[in-house]
Amino acid sequence: METTLQQEQHLERRPAQREPQLRQVRRVGLVDRVALHVGVALVAWGRRPLVLESRERRANRVEQRLAALGRELAAERMHYLNAPQR
């Protein structure tokens, strides 16, 4: 019986829960936005390639990739044509 009374007394001593207060939203200022854009631009500029690839080299790379895909398709076709049927 004593434990029940002690628990009830303990519960009564708890402070009342407060309602959550709404925080004011602080807008980002113009200076902060400009600083963010300048920072992102500097990072993008710093990651640029130092030597640009020529158009001819890019065209050759595309042609080589297309040729490789053609060879893969031809090899796959030969595999299916020459594979034993089930």
Protein backbone atom coordinates (compact mmCIF):
# COMPACT_ATOMS: atom_id res chain seq x y z
CA MET A 1 0.00 0.00 0.00
CA GLU A 2 2.87 2.33 0.74
CA THR A 3 4.39 1.89 -2.70
CA THR A 4 1.18 2.95 -4.39
CA LEU A 5 1.02 6.15 -2.37
CA GLN A 6 4.65 6.91 -3.08
CA GLN A 7 4.12 6.47 -6.80
CA GLU A 8 1.09 8.77 -6.76
CA GLN A 9 3.00 11.42 -4.84
CA HIS A 10 5.90 11.11 -7.26
CA LEU A 11 3.57 11.61 -10.23
CA GLU A 12 2.05 14.71 -8.68
CA ARG A 13 5.46 16.38 -8.35
CA ARG A 14 6.15 16.30 -12.08
CA PRO A 15 6.06 19.70 -13.74
CA ALA A 16 3.25 20.29 -16.18
CA GLN A 17 4.20 19.75 -19.79
CA ARG A 18 4.47 22.95 -21.76
CA GLU A 19 2.96 23.33 -25.17
CA PRO A 20 5.62 23.43 -27.85
CA GLN A 21 6.39 26.99 -28.84
CA LEU A 22 6.63 27.83 -32.51
CA ARG A 23 10.05 29.05 -33.51
CA GLN A 24 10.36 32.07 -35.71
CA VAL A 25 11.67 31.27 -39.16
CA ARG A 26 14.64 33.38 -40.11
CA ARG A 27 14.87 34.22 -43.79
CA VAL A 28 18.19 33.90 -45.56
CA GLY A 29 19.55 37.30 -46.44
CA LEU A 30 20.69 38.51 -49.82
CA VAL A 31 24.35 38.50 -48.80
CA ASP A 32 24.11 34.86 -47.67
CA ARG A 33 22.48 33.81 -50.94
CA VAL A 34 25.12 35.60 -53.01
CA ALA A 35 27.89 34.00 -50.93
CA LEU A 36 26.36 30.56 -51.49
CA HIS A 37 26.15 31.05 -55.25
CA VAL A 38 29.71 32.36 -55.44
CA GLY A 39 30.94 29.39 -53.40
CA VAL A 40 29.17 26.86 -55.62
CA ALA A 41 30.50 28.60 -58.72
CA LEU A 42 34.05 28.49 -57.35
CA VAL A 43 33.78 24.78 -56.59
CA ALA A 44 32.42 24.07 -60.08
CA TRP A 45 35.18 26.20 -61.64
CA GLY A 46 37.83 24.40 -59.60
CA ARG A 47 36.64 20.99 -60.81
CA ARG A 48 36.73 21.84 -64.51
CA PRO A 49 39.03 19.80 -66.74
CA LEU A 50 42.35 21.53 -67.36
CA VAL A 51 42.64 20.35 -70.97
CA LEU A 52 39.54 20.18 -73.12
CA GLU A 53 39.08 17.19 -75.38
CA SER A 54 39.04 17.97 -79.08
CA ARG A 55 35.95 17.34 -81.19
CA GLU A 56 37.79 14.82 -83.29
CA ARG A 57 38.84 12.82 -80.23
CA ARG A 58 35.28 12.82 -78.86
CA ALA A 59 33.93 11.72 -82.26
CA ASN A 60 36.49 8.90 -82.40
CA ARG A 61 35.48 7.78 -78.91
CA VAL A 62 31.81 7.67 -79.92
CA GLU A 63 32.65 5.74 -83.10
CA GLN A 64 34.74 3.28 -81.11
CA ARG A 65 31.90 2.73 -78.63
CA LEU A 66 29.41 2.14 -81.45
CA ALA A 67 31.80 -0.33 -83.09
CA ALA A 68 32.23 -2.18 -79.79
CA LEU A 69 28.45 -2.40 -79.37
CA GLY A 70 28.14 -3.75 -82.91
CA ARG A 71 30.77 -6.41 -82.18
CA GLU A 72 28.98 -7.39 -78.97
CA LEU A 73 25.67 -7.76 -80.81
CA ALA A 74 27.32 -9.82 -83.55
CA ALA A 75 28.98 -12.11 -81.00
CA GLU A 76 25.69 -12.55 -79.15
CA ARG A 77 23.87 -13.34 -82.39
CA MET A 78 26.52 -15.94 -83.31
CA HIS A 79 26.24 -17.46 -79.85
CA TYR A 80 22.48 -17.90 -80.16
CA LEU A 81 22.69 -19.21 -83.71
CA ASN A 82 25.40 -21.75 -82.91
CA ALA A 83 24.13 -22.84 -79.50
CA PRO A 84 22.58 -26.30 -79.40
CA GLN A 85 18.79 -26.30 -79.28
CA ARG A 86 17.02 -27.77 -76.32
